[in-house]
C-alpha atoms as a PDB file:
ATOM      1  CA  MET A   1      15.712 -16.179 134.257  1.00  0.00           C
ATOM      2  CA  THR A   2      17.042 -19.685 133.824  1.00  0.00           C
ATOM      3  CA  TYR A   3      16.318 -20.767 130.231  1.00  0.00           C
ATOM      4  CA  LEU A   4      18.081 -19.908 126.993  1.00  0.00           C
ATOM      5  CA  THR A   5      16.248 -20.588 123.743  1.00  0.00           C
ATOM      6  CA  GLN A   6      17.649 -20.438 120.227  1.00  0.00           C
ATOM      7  CA  VAL A   7      15.260 -19.954 117.330  1.00  0.00           C
ATOM      8  CA  SER A   8      16.505 -20.421 113.769  1.00  0.00           C
ATOM      9  CA  ILE A   9      14.480 -19.453 110.722  1.00  0.00           C
ATOM     10  CA  ASP A  10      15.240 -18.958 107.053  1.00  0.00           C
ATOM     11  CA  LYS A  11      15.182 -15.281 106.112  1.00  0.00           C
ATOM     12  CA  ARG A  12      12.485 -15.858 103.490  1.00  0.00           C
ATOM     13  CA  ASP A  13      10.281 -17.614 106.045  1.00  0.00           C
ATOM     14  CA  ALA A  14      10.896 -14.783 108.502  1.00  0.00           C
ATOM     15  CA  LEU A  15       9.666 -12.275 105.926  1.00  0.00           C
ATOM     16  CA  ARG A  16       6.676 -14.495 105.168  1.00  0.00           C
ATOM     17  CA  HIS A  17       5.750 -14.350 108.861  1.00  0.00           C
ATOM     18  CA  GLN A  18       6.253 -10.553 108.812  1.00  0.00           C
ATOM     19  CA  LEU A  19       9.246 -10.681 111.142  1.00  0.00           C
ATOM     20  CA  THR A  20      10.641  -7.483 109.688  1.00  0.00           C
ATOM     21  CA  ASP A  21      11.730  -5.326 112.646  1.00  0.00           C
ATOM     22  CA  GLY A  22      12.377  -5.401 116.375  1.00  0.00           C
ATOM     23  CA  TYR A  23       8.773  -4.731 117.315  1.00  0.00           C
ATOM     24  CA  ARG A  24       7.414  -7.534 115.085  1.00  0.00           C
ATOM     25  CA  TRP A  25       9.923  -9.988 116.550  1.00  0.00           C
ATOM     26  CA  HIS A  26       8.932  -8.993 120.071  1.00  0.00           C
ATOM     27  CA  GLN A  27       5.251  -9.493 119.285  1.00  0.00           C
ATOM     28  CA  ALA A  28       6.030 -12.968 117.931  1.00  0.00           C
ATOM     29  CA  PHE A  29       8.060 -13.912 121.013  1.00  0.00           C
ATOM     30  CA  TRP A  30       5.324 -12.517 123.297  1.00  0.00           C
ATOM     31  CA  LYS A  31       2.989 -15.265 122.018  1.00  0.00           C
ATOM     32  CA  ALA A  32       5.460 -17.892 123.212  1.00  0.00           C
ATOM     33  CA  PHE A  33       4.742 -16.934 126.832  1.00  0.00           C
ATOM     34  CA  PRO A  34       0.943 -17.195 127.176  1.00  0.00           C
ATOM     35  CA  ALA A  35      -0.454 -15.549 130.284  1.00  0.00           C
ATOM     36  CA  PRO A  36      -3.632 -13.787 131.440  1.00  0.00           C
ATOM     37  CA  PRO A  37      -3.975 -10.153 130.269  1.00  0.00           C
ATOM     38  CA  GLY A  38      -1.913  -7.752 132.355  1.00  0.00           C
ATOM     39  CA  THR A  39       0.465 -10.457 133.559  1.00  0.00           C
ATOM     40  CA  PRO A  40       4.170  -9.670 133.056  1.00  0.00           C
ATOM     41  CA  ARG A  41       6.019 -11.877 130.597  1.00  0.00           C
ATOM     42  CA  PRO A  42       9.660 -11.152 131.380  1.00  0.00           C
ATOM     43  CA  PHE A  43      12.097 -12.184 128.682  1.00  0.00           C
ATOM     44  CA  LEU A  44      15.049 -10.720 126.821  1.00  0.00           C
ATOM     45  CA  SER A  45      15.726 -11.277 123.155  1.00  0.00           C
ATOM     46  CA  ARG A  46      18.309 -10.747 120.479  1.00  0.00           C
ATOM     47  CA  VAL A  47      18.088 -11.428 116.731  1.00  0.00           C
ATOM     48  CA  ASP A  48      21.097 -11.943 114.456  1.00  0.00           C
ATOM     49  CA  ASP A  49      20.514 -11.738 110.700  1.00  0.00           C
ATOM     50  CA  ASP A  50      23.235 -12.858 108.262  1.00  0.00           C
ATOM     51  CA  GLY A  51      21.117 -12.227 105.178  1.00  0.00           C
ATOM     52  CA  GLN A  52      20.101 -15.869 104.733  1.00  0.00           C
ATOM     53  CA  MET A  53      19.233 -17.038 108.241  1.00  0.00           C
ATOM     54  CA  CYS A  54      17.859 -15.328 111.313  1.00  0.00           C
ATOM     55  CA  ARG A  55      18.962 -16.679 114.679  1.00  0.00           C
ATOM     56  CA  ALA A  56      17.150 -15.373 117.710  1.00  0.00           C
ATOM     57  CA  TYR A  57      18.003 -15.891 121.361  1.00  0.00           C
ATOM     58  CA  LEU A  58      15.540 -15.696 124.240  1.00  0.00           C
ATOM     59  CA  LEU A  59      16.422 -15.515 127.922  1.00  0.00           C
ATOM     60  CA  SER A  60      13.411 -16.292 130.115  1.00  0.00           C
ATOM     61  CA  ASP A  61      12.288 -17.553 133.501  1.00  0.00           C
ATOM     62  CA  ARG A  62      10.196 -20.332 131.939  1.00  0.00           C
ATOM     63  CA  ILE A  63      10.278 -22.538 128.876  1.00  0.00           C
ATOM     64  CA  PRO A  64       8.615 -20.801 125.910  1.00  0.00           C
ATOM     65  CA  ALA A  65       5.835 -22.476 123.970  1.00  0.00           C
ATOM     66  CA  VAL A  66       7.177 -23.536 120.574  1.00  0.00           C
ATOM     67  CA  GLN A  67       5.593 -21.478 117.812  1.00  0.00           C
ATOM     68  CA  PRO A  68       4.569 -22.724 114.339  1.00  0.00           C
ATOM     69  CA  TRP A  69       7.599 -21.168 112.656  1.00  0.00           C
ATOM     70  CA  GLY A  70      11.323 -21.688 112.897  1.00  0.00           C
ATOM     71  CA  GLU A  71      13.284 -24.318 114.797  1.00  0.00           C
ATOM     72  CA  TRP A  72      13.180 -23.910 118.580  1.00  0.00           C
ATOM     73  CA  ALA A  73      15.679 -25.372 121.057  1.00  0.00           C
ATOM     74  CA  THR A  74      15.682 -24.588 124.790  1.00  0.00           C
ATOM     75  CA  ARG A  75      18.180 -25.489 127.468  1.00  0.00           C
ATOM     76  CA  GLU A  76      18.368 -24.705 131.155  1.00  0.00           C
ATOM     77  CA  ILE A  77      21.205 -22.493 132.346  1.00  0.00           C
ATOM     78  CA  VAL A  78      23.290 -24.310 134.945  1.00  0.00           C
ATOM     79  CA  PRO A  79      23.230 -22.768 138.462  1.00  0.00           C
ATOM     80  CA  ASN A  80      26.947 -21.929 138.576  1.00  0.00           C
ATOM     81  CA  PHE A  81      26.990 -20.142 135.200  1.00  0.00           C
ATOM     82  CA  LEU A  82      26.974 -16.736 136.916  1.00  0.00           C
ATOM     83  CA  GLU A  83      29.547 -17.641 139.569  1.00  0.00           C
ATOM     84  CA  TYR A  84      32.684 -16.977 137.505  1.00  0.00           C
ATOM     85  CA  VAL A  85      34.848 -13.857 137.827  1.00  0.00           C
ATOM     86  CA  HIS A  86      35.799 -13.255 134.192  1.00  0.00           C
ATOM     87  CA  TYR A  87      33.619 -13.483 131.082  1.00  0.00           C
ATOM     88  CA  ARG A  88      33.755 -12.752 127.409  1.00  0.00           C
ATOM     89  CA  PHE A  89      30.644 -10.748 126.563  1.00  0.00           C
ATOM     90  CA  GLU A  90      28.544  -9.428 123.718  1.00  0.00           C
ATOM     91  CA  LEU A  91      25.894  -6.761 124.144  1.00  0.00           C
ATOM     92  CA  ARG A  92      23.569  -5.318 121.524  1.00  0.00           C
ATOM     93  CA  ALA A  93      22.365  -2.089 123.064  1.00  0.00           C
ATOM     94  CA  ASN A  94      20.392   1.075 122.374  1.00  0.00           C
ATOM     95  CA  PRO A  95      22.711   3.696 123.931  1.00  0.00           C
ATOM     96  CA  THR A  96      20.870   6.890 124.753  1.00  0.00           C
ATOM     97  CA  VAL A  97      21.098   9.829 127.109  1.00  0.00           C
ATOM     98  CA  LYS A  98      18.072  11.398 128.753  1.00  0.00           C
ATOM     99  CA  ARG A  99      17.700  15.110 128.036  1.00  0.00           C
ATOM    100  CA  VAL A 100      15.822  17.499 130.277  1.00  0.00           C
ATOM    101  CA  VAL A 101      12.592  18.774 128.738  1.00  0.00           C
ATOM    102  CA  ARG A 102      10.858  21.882 130.092  1.00  0.00           C
ATOM    103  CA  ASN A 103       7.367  23.245 129.555  1.00  0.00           C
ATOM    104  CA  GLU A 104       6.351  26.720 128.371  1.00  0.00           C
ATOM    105  CA  VAL A 105       7.091  28.317 131.752  1.00  0.00           C
ATOM    106  CA  GLY A 106      10.458  26.644 132.169  1.00  0.00           C
ATOM    107  CA  GLU A 107       9.406  23.910 134.592  1.00  0.00           C
ATOM    108  CA  ARG A 108      11.083  20.555 134.186  1.00  0.00           C
ATOM    109  CA  LYS A 109       8.779  17.882 132.825  1.00  0.00           C
ATOM    110  CA  LYS A 110       8.604  14.545 134.587  1.00  0.00           C
ATOM    111  CA  ASN A 111       9.700  12.532 131.544  1.00  0.00           C
ATOM    112  CA  GLY A 112      12.739  13.624 129.597  1.00  0.00           C
ATOM    113  CA  ARG A 113      13.596  12.874 125.991  1.00  0.00           C
ATOM    114  CA  ARG A 114      16.012  10.127 125.048  1.00  0.00           C
ATOM    115  CA  THR A 115      18.673  11.098 122.525  1.00  0.00           C
ATOM    116  CA  ALA A 116      20.741   8.498 120.681  1.00  0.00           C
ATOM    117  CA  ILE A 117      24.514   8.383 121.198  1.00  0.00           C
ATOM    118  CA  TYR A 118      26.784   7.999 118.155  1.00  0.00           C
ATOM    119  CA  LYS A 119      30.287   9.257 119.042  1.00  0.00           C
ATOM    120  CA  PRO A 120      32.812   6.526 120.004  1.00  0.00           C
ATOM    121  CA  ASP A 121      34.053   8.280 123.156  1.00  0.00           C
ATOM    122  CA  GLN A 122      30.482   8.850 124.360  1.00  0.00           C
ATOM    123  CA  LEU A 123      29.557   5.244 123.586  1.00  0.00           C
ATOM    124  CA  ASN A 124      32.531   4.059 125.633  1.00  0.00           C
ATOM    125  CA  GLU A 125      31.507   6.352 128.490  1.00  0.00           C
ATOM    126  CA  TRP A 126      27.931   5.039 128.320  1.00  0.00           C
ATOM    127  CA  LEU A 127      29.109   1.436 128.604  1.00  0.00           C
ATOM    128  CA  GLN A 128      31.567   2.236 131.394  1.00  0.00           C
ATOM    129  CA  ASN A 129      28.733   3.836 133.371  1.00  0.00           C
ATOM    130  CA  LYS A 130      26.493   0.815 132.801  1.00  0.00           C
ATOM    131  CA  ALA A 131      29.300  -1.492 133.923  1.00  0.00           C
ATOM    132  CA  ARG A 132      29.705   0.372 137.212  1.00  0.00           C
ATOM    133  CA  GLN A 133      25.940   0.430 137.692  1.00  0.00           C
ATOM    134  CA  HIS A 134      25.646  -3.318 137.119  1.00  0.00           C
ATOM    135  CA  GLY A 135      28.555  -4.567 139.179  1.00  0.00           C
ATOM    136  CA  PHE A 136      31.367  -5.253 136.721  1.00  0.00           C
ATOM    137  CA  THR A 137      34.403  -3.613 135.160  1.00  0.00           C
ATOM    138  CA  LEU A 138      35.461  -3.760 131.521  1.00  0.00           C
ATOM    139  CA  LEU A 139      38.876  -5.311 130.845  1.00  0.00           C
ATOM    140  CA  ASN A 140      38.681  -4.530 127.134  1.00  0.00           C
ATOM    141  CA  VAL A 141      35.928  -3.593 124.730  1.00  0.00           C
ATOM    142  CA  GLU A 142      35.304  -3.275 120.998  1.00  0.00           C
ATOM    143  CA  ILE A 143      32.569  -0.914 119.866  1.00  0.00           C
ATOM    144  CA  GLY A 144      30.775  -1.517 116.585  1.00  0.00           C
ATOM    145  CA  GLY A 145      29.544   1.293 114.388  1.00  0.00           C
ATOM    146  CA  PRO A 146      26.091   2.657 115.286  1.00  0.00           C
ATOM    147  CA  VAL A 147      23.291   1.501 112.975  1.00  0.00           C
ATOM    148  CA  THR A 148      19.856   3.102 112.767  1.00  0.00           C
ATOM    149  CA  GLN A 149      17.043   0.555 112.926  1.00  0.00           C
ATOM    150  CA  HIS A 150      13.526   1.529 111.898  1.00  0.00           C
ATOM    151  CA  PHE A 151      10.295  -0.051 113.115  1.00  0.00           C
ATOM    152  CA  ARG A 152       6.547   0.380 112.770  1.00  0.00           C
ATOM    153  CA  ARG A 153       4.327   0.295 115.843  1.00  0.00           C
ATOM    154  CA  LYS A 154       0.586   0.902 115.686  1.00  0.00           C
ATOM    155  CA  ASN A 155       0.870   2.649 112.310  1.00  0.00           C
ATOM    156  CA  LYS A 156       3.621   4.917 113.604  1.00  0.00           C
ATOM    157  CA  HIS A 157       7.237   4.874 112.515  1.00  0.00           C
ATOM    158  CA  GLY A 158      10.097   4.961 114.983  1.00  0.00           C
ATOM    159  CA  LYS A 159      13.808   4.268 115.110  1.00  0.00           C
ATOM    160  CA  HIS A 160      16.564   3.156 117.472  1.00  0.00           C
ATOM    161  CA  VAL A 161      20.311   3.338 117.328  1.00  0.00           C
ATOM    162  CA  CYS A 162      21.834  -0.149 117.498  1.00  0.00           C
ATOM    163  CA  VAL A 163      25.400  -0.664 118.745  1.00  0.00           C
ATOM    164  CA  ASP A 164      27.224  -3.966 119.283  1.00  0.00           C
ATOM    165  CA  PHE A 165      29.714  -4.066 122.146  1.00  0.00           C
ATOM    166  CA  ARG A 166      32.029  -7.008 122.780  1.00  0.00           C
ATOM    167  CA  GLY A 167      35.012  -7.692 124.990  1.00  0.00           C
ATOM    168  CA  THR A 168      35.864  -9.122 128.394  1.00  0.00           C
ATOM    169  CA  LEU A 169      34.706  -8.164 131.873  1.00  0.00           C
ATOM    170  CA  GLN A 170      35.397  -8.825 135.525  1.00  0.00           C
ATOM    171  CA  VAL A 171      32.615  -9.209 138.075  1.00  0.00           C
ATOM    172  CA  GLN A 172      32.827  -6.890 141.086  1.00  0.00           C
ATOM    173  CA  ASN A 173      29.345  -7.130 142.632  1.00  0.00           C
ATOM    174  CA  ARG A 174      27.760 -10.544 142.093  1.00  0.00           C
ATOM    175  CA  ASP A 175      24.188  -9.570 142.938  1.00  0.00           C
ATOM    176  CA  ARG A 176      24.096  -6.561 140.624  1.00  0.00           C
ATOM    177  CA  PHE A 177      25.793  -8.550 137.876  1.00  0.00           C
ATOM    178  CA  LYS A 178      23.196 -11.315 138.117  1.00  0.00           C
ATOM    179  CA  ASP A 179      20.438  -8.739 137.986  1.00  0.00           C
ATOM    180  CA  ALA A 180      21.930  -7.249 134.809  1.00  0.00           C
ATOM    181  CA  PHE A 181      22.045 -10.682 133.203  1.00  0.00           C
ATOM    182  CA  GLN A 182      18.408 -11.339 134.072  1.00  0.00           C
ATOM    183  CA  THR A 183      16.880  -7.943 133.332  1.00  0.00           C
ATOM    184  CA  GLY A 184      19.159  -6.540 130.636  1.00  0.00           C
ATOM    185  CA  ILE A 185      21.191  -3.366 130.145  1.00  0.00           C
ATOM    186  CA  GLY A 186      19.936  -0.092 128.721  1.00  0.00           C
ATOM    187  CA  PRO A 187      16.579   0.915 127.187  1.00  0.00           C
ATOM    188  CA  ALA A 188      14.365  -0.545 124.419  1.00  0.00           C
ATOM    189  CA  LYS A 189      14.456  -4.134 125.693  1.00  0.00           C
ATOM    190  CA  ALA A 190      11.114  -4.774 123.986  1.00  0.00           C
ATOM    191  CA  PHE A 191      12.877  -4.216 120.647  1.00  0.00           C
ATOM    192  CA  GLY A 192      15.658  -6.782 121.065  1.00  0.00           C
ATOM    193  CA  PHE A 193      18.204  -4.703 122.980  1.00  0.00           C
ATOM    194  CA  GLY A 194      19.899  -5.188 126.348  1.00  0.00           C
ATOM    195  CA  MET A 195      20.553  -8.921 126.481  1.00  0.00           C
ATOM    196  CA  ILE A 196      24.141  -9.597 127.542  1.00  0.00           C
ATOM    197  CA  VAL A 197      25.616 -12.798 126.099  1.00  0.00           C
ATOM    198  CA  LEU A 198      28.293 -14.342 128.325  1.00  0.00           C
ATOM    199  CA  GLN A 199      31.034 -16.939 127.983  1.00  0.00           C
ATOM    200  CA  PRO A 200      32.912 -17.850 131.198  1.00  0.00           C
ATOM    201  CA  LEU A 201      36.706 -17.531 131.060  1.00  0.00           C
ATOM    202  CA  GLY A 202      37.652 -20.012 133.760  1.00  0.00           C
END
């Protein structure tokens, strides 16, 4: 993905366009990448809400089509942006652990059940594991308090745990690090989680 888009919209206008939860935002962004049915539309998103303004960020492999709401600004990410060793980072994630689920006769089911993580030490462990998996080490990290976010999808209610991580990191495996930047970290990416925001540190 090589384009970063910022979308700014007044909170009242966001509510008027029914941008009320992670799923509604994702649906709105989906329309910015028109494609034939069944075609993947890979993008990552993040929405920050300060109570008066909503600022969304999209990371995508093509320039999104400007929608009839908000102010859209897109810039191309320079080729050497991911060639640094040290970065300041921010990550809004949905930390979960997959639990084993068994059927009536005790056989393990193919798909487990994801359980949200809330305890600080377990959140730190989750992020450390993701760092190793994605080719970087954490030099320092601050962990925000977990927040439960609710959403409605096809007349069904659901919820995610939302945790903000920030700190500094050091790249160990360039290829895996680039992949993490492009594809995100952790589950629930369709609900605005997983996009890692980076600032090179020289």
